[in-house]
Amino acid sequence: MPIREISIAALGRDEDTYTEPPGRELSLAVIGGQAHISVAELDGFGNRVETSKDVVVDARSLLLALQAAVQDGDTS
């Protein structure tokens, strides 16, 4: 079964520590050659209450940017 969407916990607005459930969630879906990225605000139960509009970027460009970030992190 292919992975269709990945959700990553993110800090909520005005938070300086991660909570469970998280305050926000970053979602990434790759459809064809495009990556769709959005951020959802979560309530205290982990349910999505508000989701931003998708930012759509070329999936290959996103992959190259992530690889560069990981490589840069390896050198520090």
PDB file of N, CA and C in Angstrom:
ATOM      1  N   MET A   1       0.845  -1.172   0.000  1.00  0.00           N
ATOM      2  CA  MET A   1       0.000   0.000   0.000  1.00  0.00           C
ATOM      3  C   MET A   1       0.895   1.240   0.000  1.00  0.00           C
ATOM      4  N   PRO A   2       0.713   2.151  -0.935  1.00  0.00           N
ATOM      5  CA  PRO A   2       1.557   3.349  -1.001  1.00  0.00           C
ATOM      6  C   PRO A   2       1.169   4.364   0.079  1.00  0.00           C
ATOM      7  N   ILE A   3       2.137   5.153   0.477  1.00  0.00           N
ATOM      8  CA  ILE A   3       1.874   6.247   1.401  1.00  0.00           C
ATOM      9  C   ILE A   3       1.299   7.398   0.594  1.00  0.00           C
ATOM     10  N   ARG A   4       0.169   7.928   1.014  1.00  0.00           N
ATOM     11  CA  ARG A   4      -0.487   9.012   0.281  1.00  0.00           C
ATOM     12  C   ARG A   4      -0.304  10.351   0.960  1.00  0.00           C
ATOM     13  N   GLU A   5      -0.200  10.354   2.291  1.00  0.00           N
ATOM     14  CA  GLU A   5      -0.079  11.615   3.016  1.00  0.00           C
ATOM     15  C   GLU A   5       0.729  11.384   4.283  1.00  0.00           C
ATOM     16  N   ILE A   6       1.538  12.352   4.632  1.00  0.00           N
ATOM     17  CA  ILE A   6       2.329  12.304   5.856  1.00  0.00           C
ATOM     18  C   ILE A   6       1.926  13.502   6.699  1.00  0.00           C
ATOM     19  N   SER A   7       1.687  13.279   7.990  1.00  0.00           N
ATOM     20  CA  SER A   7       1.370  14.364   8.911  1.00  0.00           C
ATOM     21  C   SER A   7       2.478  14.442   9.956  1.00  0.00           C
ATOM     22  N   ILE A   8       2.940  15.653  10.227  1.00  0.00           N
ATOM     23  CA  ILE A   8       4.040  15.889  11.154  1.00  0.00           C
ATOM     24  C   ILE A   8       3.581  16.867  12.219  1.00  0.00           C
ATOM     25  N   ALA A   9       3.812  16.529  13.490  1.00  0.00           N
ATOM     26  CA  ALA A   9       3.438  17.418  14.595  1.00  0.00           C
ATOM     27  C   ALA A   9       4.241  18.705  14.505  1.00  0.00           C
ATOM     28  N   ALA A  10       3.595  19.818  14.854  1.00  0.00           N
ATOM     29  CA  ALA A  10       4.259  21.119  14.843  1.00  0.00           C
ATOM     30  C   ALA A  10       3.815  21.896  16.074  1.00  0.00           C
ATOM     31  N   LEU A  11       4.632  22.861  16.470  1.00  0.00           N
ATOM     32  CA  LEU A  11       4.272  23.704  17.601  1.00  0.00           C
ATOM     33  C   LEU A  11       3.012  24.490  17.281  1.00  0.00           C
ATOM     34  N   GLY A  12       2.159  24.677  18.277  1.00  0.00           N
ATOM     35  CA  GLY A  12       0.987  25.522  18.114  1.00  0.00           C
ATOM     36  C   GLY A  12       1.404  26.981  18.170  1.00  0.00           C
ATOM     37  N   ARG A  13       0.488  27.852  17.833  1.00  0.00           N
ATOM     38  CA  ARG A  13       0.776  29.284  17.888  1.00  0.00           C
ATOM     39  C   ARG A  13       1.124  29.666  19.319  1.00  0.00           C
ATOM     40  N   ASP A  14       2.168  30.465  19.479  1.00  0.00           N
ATOM     41  CA  ASP A  14       2.621  30.953  20.781  1.00  0.00           C
ATOM     42  C   ASP A  14       3.056  29.848  21.736  1.00  0.00           C
ATOM     43  N   GLU A  15       3.367  28.661  21.227  1.00  0.00           N
ATOM     44  CA  GLU A  15       3.879  27.578  22.074  1.00  0.00           C
ATOM     45  C   GLU A  15       5.388  27.502  21.913  1.00  0.00           C
ATOM     46  N   ASP A  16       6.071  27.145  22.989  1.00  0.00           N
ATOM     47  CA  ASP A  16       7.516  26.969  22.900  1.00  0.00           C
ATOM     48  C   ASP A  16       7.939  25.532  23.215  1.00  0.00           C
ATOM     49  N   THR A  17       6.950  24.653  23.480  1.00  0.00           N
ATOM     50  CA  THR A  17       7.236  23.238  23.687  1.00  0.00           C
ATOM     51  C   THR A  17       6.190  22.418  22.940  1.00  0.00           C
ATOM     52  N   TYR A  18       6.573  21.206  22.578  1.00  0.00           N
ATOM     53  CA  TYR A  18       5.639  20.312  21.900  1.00  0.00           C
ATOM     54  C   TYR A  18       4.665  19.730  22.914  1.00  0.00           C
ATOM     55  N   THR A  19       3.438  19.552  22.502  1.00  0.00           N
ATOM     56  CA  THR A  19       2.416  18.987  23.371  1.00  0.00           C
ATOM     57  C   THR A  19       1.821  17.754  22.700  1.00  0.00           C
ATOM     58  N   GLU A  20       1.081  16.975  23.472  1.00  0.00           N
ATOM     59  CA  GLU A  20       0.383  15.820  22.929  1.00  0.00           C
ATOM     60  C   GLU A  20      -1.077  15.941  23.302  1.00  0.00           C
ATOM     61  N   PRO A  21      -2.002  16.079  22.409  1.00  0.00           N
ATOM     62  CA  PRO A  21      -1.773  16.172  20.976  1.00  0.00           C
ATOM     63  C   PRO A  21      -1.117  17.503  20.618  1.00  0.00           C
ATOM     64  N   PRO A  22      -0.480  17.543  19.470  1.00  0.00           N
ATOM     65  CA  PRO A  22       0.197  18.774  19.069  1.00  0.00           C
ATOM     66  C   PRO A  22      -0.803  19.897  18.791  1.00  0.00           C
ATOM     67  N   GLY A  23      -0.310  21.125  18.825  1.00  0.00           N
ATOM     68  CA  GLY A  23      -1.163  22.281  18.543  1.00  0.00           C
ATOM     69  C   GLY A  23      -1.452  22.457  17.073  1.00  0.00           C
ATOM     70  N   ARG A  24      -0.503  22.023  16.247  1.00  0.00           N
ATOM     71  CA  ARG A  24      -0.679  22.117  14.792  1.00  0.00           C
ATOM     72  C   ARG A  24      -0.081  20.871  14.149  1.00  0.00           C
ATOM     73  N   GLU A  25      -0.447  20.678  12.902  1.00  0.00           N
ATOM     74  CA  GLU A  25       0.012  19.515  12.160  1.00  0.00           C
ATOM     75  C   GLU A  25       0.330  19.936  10.730  1.00  0.00           C
ATOM     76  N   LEU A  26       1.498  19.573  10.261  1.00  0.00           N
ATOM     77  CA  LEU A  26       1.898  19.827   8.883  1.00  0.00           C
ATOM     78  C   LEU A  26       1.557  18.593   8.066  1.00  0.00           C
ATOM     79  N   SER A  27       0.858  18.776   6.963  1.00  0.00           N
ATOM     80  CA  SER A  27       0.491  17.656   6.096  1.00  0.00           C
ATOM     81  C   SER A  27       1.178  17.804   4.750  1.00  0.00           C
ATOM     82  N   LEU A  28       1.684  16.693   4.244  1.00  0.00           N
ATOM     83  CA  LEU A  28       2.357  16.662   2.950  1.00  0.00           C
ATOM     84  C   LEU A  28       1.783  15.509   2.147  1.00  0.00           C
ATOM     85  N   ALA A  29       1.285  15.817   0.967  1.00  0.00           N
ATOM     86  CA  ALA A  29       0.793  14.796   0.046  1.00  0.00           C
ATOM     87  C   ALA A  29       1.453  15.030  -1.306  1.00  0.00           C
ATOM     88  N   VAL A  30       1.951  13.959  -1.911  1.00  0.00           N
ATOM     89  CA  VAL A  30       2.547  14.063  -3.241  1.00  0.00           C
ATOM     90  C   VAL A  30       1.582  13.405  -4.215  1.00  0.00           C
ATOM     91  N   ILE A  31       1.133  14.207  -5.174  1.00  0.00           N
ATOM     92  CA  ILE A  31       0.186  13.730  -6.182  1.00  0.00           C
ATOM     93  C   ILE A  31       0.798  14.025  -7.540  1.00  0.00           C
ATOM     94  N   GLY A  32       1.099  12.975  -8.263  1.00  0.00           N
ATOM     95  CA  GLY A  32       1.797  13.158  -9.534  1.00  0.00           C
ATOM     96  C   GLY A  32       3.158  13.754  -9.248  1.00  0.00           C
ATOM     97  N   GLY A  33       3.499  14.825  -9.903  1.00  0.00           N
ATOM     98  CA  GLY A  33       4.788  15.472  -9.690  1.00  0.00           C
ATOM     99  C   GLY A  33       4.713  16.679  -8.775  1.00  0.00           C
ATOM    100  N   GLN A  34       3.575  16.836  -8.079  1.00  0.00           N
ATOM    101  CA  GLN A  34       3.410  18.010  -7.233  1.00  0.00           C
ATOM    102  C   GLN A  34       3.277  17.623  -5.767  1.00  0.00           C
ATOM    103  N   ALA A  35       3.889  18.438  -4.888  1.00  0.00           N
ATOM    104  CA  ALA A  35       3.766  18.256  -3.449  1.00  0.00           C
ATOM    105  C   ALA A  35       2.770  19.289  -2.924  1.00  0.00           C
ATOM    106  N   HIS A  36       1.786  18.836  -2.175  1.00  0.00           N
ATOM    107  CA  HIS A  36       0.767  19.703  -1.588  1.00  0.00           C
ATOM    108  C   HIS A  36       1.047  19.766  -0.085  1.00  0.00           C
ATOM    109  N   ILE A  37       1.295  20.976   0.423  1.00  0.00           N
ATOM    110  CA  ILE A  37       1.660  21.172   1.821  1.00  0.00           C
ATOM    111  C   ILE A  37       0.615  22.076   2.471  1.00  0.00           C
ATOM    112  N   SER A  38       0.143  21.680   3.655  1.00  0.00           N
ATOM    113  CA  SER A  38      -0.808  22.516   4.391  1.00  0.00           C
ATOM    114  C   SER A  38      -0.527  22.389   5.884  1.00  0.00           C
ATOM    115  N   VAL A  39      -1.051  23.346   6.645  1.00  0.00           N
ATOM    116  CA  VAL A  39      -0.921  23.337   8.100  1.00  0.00           C
ATOM    117  C   VAL A  39      -2.319  23.368   8.689  1.00  0.00           C
ATOM    118  N   ALA A  40      -2.572  22.485   9.658  1.00  0.00           N
ATOM    119  CA  ALA A  40      -3.871  22.433  10.319  1.00  0.00           C
ATOM    120  C   ALA A  40      -3.710  22.786  11.793  1.00  0.00           C
ATOM    121  N   GLU A  41      -4.608  23.651  12.274  1.00  0.00           N
ATOM    122  CA  GLU A  41      -4.697  23.928  13.710  1.00  0.00           C
ATOM    123  C   GLU A  41      -5.500  22.784  14.326  1.00  0.00           C
ATOM    124  N   LEU A  42      -5.042  22.272  15.482  1.00  0.00           N
ATOM    125  CA  LEU A  42      -5.730  21.171  16.145  1.00  0.00           C
ATOM    126  C   LEU A  42      -6.312  21.638  17.468  1.00  0.00           C
ATOM    127  N   ASP A  43      -7.440  21.020  17.862  1.00  0.00           N
ATOM    128  CA  ASP A  43      -8.001  21.335  19.169  1.00  0.00           C
ATOM    129  C   ASP A  43      -7.309  20.479  20.228  1.00  0.00           C
ATOM    130  N   GLY A  44      -7.739  20.581  21.455  1.00  0.00           N
ATOM    131  CA  GLY A  44      -7.116  19.842  22.553  1.00  0.00           C
ATOM    132  C   GLY A  44      -7.260  18.337  22.463  1.00  0.00           C
ATOM    133  N   PHE A  45      -8.097  17.852  21.529  1.00  0.00           N
ATOM    134  CA  PHE A  45      -8.292  16.422  21.338  1.00  0.00           C
ATOM    135  C   PHE A  45      -7.571  15.899  20.092  1.00  0.00           C
ATOM    136  N   GLY A  46      -6.862  16.777  19.382  1.00  0.00           N
ATOM    137  CA  GLY A  46      -6.147  16.372  18.180  1.00  0.00           C
ATOM    138  C   GLY A  46      -6.980  16.422  16.913  1.00  0.00           C
ATOM    139  N   ASN A  47      -8.159  17.013  16.985  1.00  0.00           N
ATOM    140  CA  ASN A  47      -9.023  17.140  15.800  1.00  0.00           C
ATOM    141  C   ASN A  47      -8.690  18.417  15.047  1.00  0.00           C
ATOM    142  N   ARG A  48      -8.710  18.344  13.740  1.00  0.00           N
ATOM    143  CA  ARG A  48      -8.441  19.528  12.916  1.00  0.00           C
ATOM    144  C   ARG A  48      -9.601  20.512  13.029  1.00  0.00           C
ATOM    145  N   VAL A  49      -9.271  21.764  13.361  1.00  0.00           N
ATOM    146  CA  VAL A  49     -10.316  22.781  13.458  1.00  0.00           C
ATOM    147  C   VAL A  49     -10.199  23.825  12.356  1.00  0.00           C
ATOM    148  N   GLU A  50      -9.012  23.984  11.811  1.00  0.00           N
ATOM    149  CA  GLU A  50      -8.804  24.952  10.731  1.00  0.00           C
ATOM    150  C   GLU A  50      -7.592  24.495   9.926  1.00  0.00           C
ATOM    151  N   THR A  51      -7.719  24.499   8.615  1.00  0.00           N
ATOM    152  CA  THR A  51      -6.621  24.075   7.749  1.00  0.00           C
ATOM    153  C   THR A  51      -6.301  25.183   6.754  1.00  0.00           C
ATOM    154  N   SER A  52      -5.008  25.445   6.577  1.00  0.00           N
ATOM    155  CA  SER A  52      -4.586  26.454   5.611  1.00  0.00           C
ATOM    156  C   SER A  52      -4.808  25.936   4.195  1.00  0.00           C
ATOM    157  N   LYS A  53      -4.803  26.835   3.234  1.00  0.00           N
ATOM    158  CA  LYS A  53      -4.846  26.423   1.834  1.00  0.00           C
ATOM    159  C   LYS A  53      -3.541  25.720   1.497  1.00  0.00           C
ATOM    160  N   ASP A  54      -3.614  24.791   0.559  1.00  0.00           N
ATOM    161  CA  ASP A  54      -2.414  24.075   0.123  1.00  0.00           C
ATOM    162  C   ASP A  54      -1.416  25.011  -0.542  1.00  0.00           C
ATOM    163  N   VAL A  55      -0.155  24.778  -0.237  1.00  0.00           N
ATOM    164  CA  VAL A  55       0.926  25.367  -1.007  1.00  0.00           C
ATOM    165  C   VAL A  55       1.371  24.237  -1.935  1.00  0.00           C
ATOM    166  N   VAL A  56       1.412  24.493  -3.215  1.00  0.00           N
ATOM    167  CA  VAL A  56       1.760  23.448  -4.183  1.00  0.00           C
ATOM    168  C   VAL A  56       3.110  23.788  -4.800  1.00  0.00           C
ATOM    169  N   VAL A  57       4.042  22.832  -4.686  1.00  0.00           N
ATOM    170  CA  VAL A  57       5.379  23.010  -5.254  1.00  0.00           C
ATOM    171  C   VAL A  57       5.746  21.757  -6.041  1.00  0.00           C
ATOM    172  N   ASP A  58       6.716  21.908  -6.906  1.00  0.00           N
ATOM    173  CA  ASP A  58       7.228  20.768  -7.659  1.00  0.00           C
ATOM    174  C   ASP A  58       7.832  19.765  -6.675  1.00  0.00           C
ATOM    175  N   ALA A  59       7.403  18.514  -6.720  1.00  0.00           N
ATOM    176  CA  ALA A  59       7.857  17.500  -5.775  1.00  0.00           C
ATOM    177  C   ALA A  59       9.368  17.287  -5.855  1.00  0.00           C
ATOM    178  N   ARG A  60       9.931  17.339  -7.042  1.00  0.00           N
ATOM    179  CA  ARG A  60      11.382  17.149  -7.182  1.00  0.00           C
ATOM    180  C   ARG A  60      12.140  18.286  -6.506  1.00  0.00           C
ATOM    181  N   SER A  61      11.663  19.512  -6.638  1.00  0.00           N
ATOM    182  CA  SER A  61      12.307  20.643  -5.985  1.00  0.00           C
ATOM    183  C   SER A  61      12.250  20.499  -4.471  1.00  0.00           C
ATOM    184  N   LEU A  62      11.106  20.032  -3.955  1.00  0.00           N
ATOM    185  CA  LEU A  62      10.979  19.820  -2.516  1.00  0.00           C
ATOM    186  C   LEU A  62      11.949  18.755  -2.046  1.00  0.00           C
ATOM    187  N   LEU A  63      12.061  17.675  -2.794  1.00  0.00           N
ATOM    188  CA  LEU A  63      12.994  16.606  -2.437  1.00  0.00           C
ATOM    189  C   LEU A  63      14.432  17.115  -2.411  1.00  0.00           C
ATOM    190  N   LEU A  64      14.824  17.886  -3.412  1.00  0.00           N
ATOM    191  CA  LEU A  64      16.180  18.432  -3.443  1.00  0.00           C
ATOM    192  C   LEU A  64      16.428  19.365  -2.261  1.00  0.00           C
ATOM    193  N   ALA A  65      15.436  20.168  -1.902  1.00  0.00           N
ATOM    194  CA  ALA A  65      15.581  21.071  -0.754  1.00  0.00           C
ATOM    195  C   ALA A  65      15.709  20.285   0.551  1.00  0.00           C
ATOM    196  N   LEU A  66      14.934  19.223   0.700  1.00  0.00           N
ATOM    197  CA  LEU A  66      15.021  18.395   1.907  1.00  0.00           C
ATOM    198  C   LEU A  66      16.364  17.676   1.980  1.00  0.00           C
ATOM    199  N   GLN A  67      16.844  17.173   0.860  1.00  0.00           N
ATOM    200  CA  GLN A  67      18.149  16.514   0.845  1.00  0.00           C
ATOM    201  C   GLN A  67      19.251  17.495   1.230  1.00  0.00           C
ATOM    202  N   ALA A  68      19.185  18.718   0.725  1.00  0.00           N
ATOM    203  CA  ALA A  68      20.177  19.738   1.070  1.00  0.00           C
ATOM    204  C   ALA A  68      20.118  20.062   2.555  1.00  0.00           C
ATOM    205  N   ALA A  69      18.920  20.145   3.124  1.00  0.00           N
ATOM    206  CA  ALA A  69      18.775  20.436   4.550  1.00  0.00           C
ATOM    207  C   ALA A  69      19.355  19.313   5.404  1.00  0.00           C
ATOM    208  N   VAL A  70      19.132  18.066   5.006  1.00  0.00           N
ATOM    209  CA  VAL A  70      19.667  16.925   5.750  1.00  0.00           C
ATOM    210  C   VAL A  70      21.189  16.904   5.650  1.00  0.00           C
ATOM    211  N   GLN A  71      21.723  17.131   4.456  1.00  0.00           N
ATOM    212  CA  GLN A  71      23.177  17.153   4.279  1.00  0.00           C
ATOM    213  C   GLN A  71      23.802  18.278   5.080  1.00  0.00           C
ATOM    214  N   ASP A  72      23.160  19.437   5.105  1.00  0.00           N
ATOM    215  CA  ASP A  72      23.663  20.577   5.867  1.00  0.00           C
ATOM    216  C   ASP A  72      23.638  20.251   7.361  1.00  0.00           C
ATOM    217  N   GLY A  73      22.616  19.542   7.814  1.00  0.00           N
ATOM    218  CA  GLY A  73      22.509  19.142   9.209  1.00  0.00           C
ATOM    219  C   GLY A  73      23.584  18.141   9.582  1.00  0.00           C
ATOM    220  N   ASP A  74      24.015  17.301   8.650  1.00  0.00           N
ATOM    221  CA  ASP A  74      25.057  16.307   8.915  1.00  0.00           C
ATOM    222  C   ASP A  74      26.411  16.945   9.148  1.00  0.00           C
ATOM    223  N   THR A  75      26.634  18.141   8.607  1.00  0.00           N
ATOM    224  CA  THR A  75      27.953  18.761   8.734  1.00  0.00           C
ATOM    225  C   THR A  75      28.091  19.593   9.997  1.00  0.00           C
ATOM    226  N   SER A  76      26.964  19.861  10.690  1.00  0.00           N
ATOM    227  CA  SER A  76      27.079  20.692  11.895  1.00  0.00           C
ATOM    228  C   SER A  76      27.140  19.848  13.146  1.00  0.00           C
TER     229      SER A  76
END
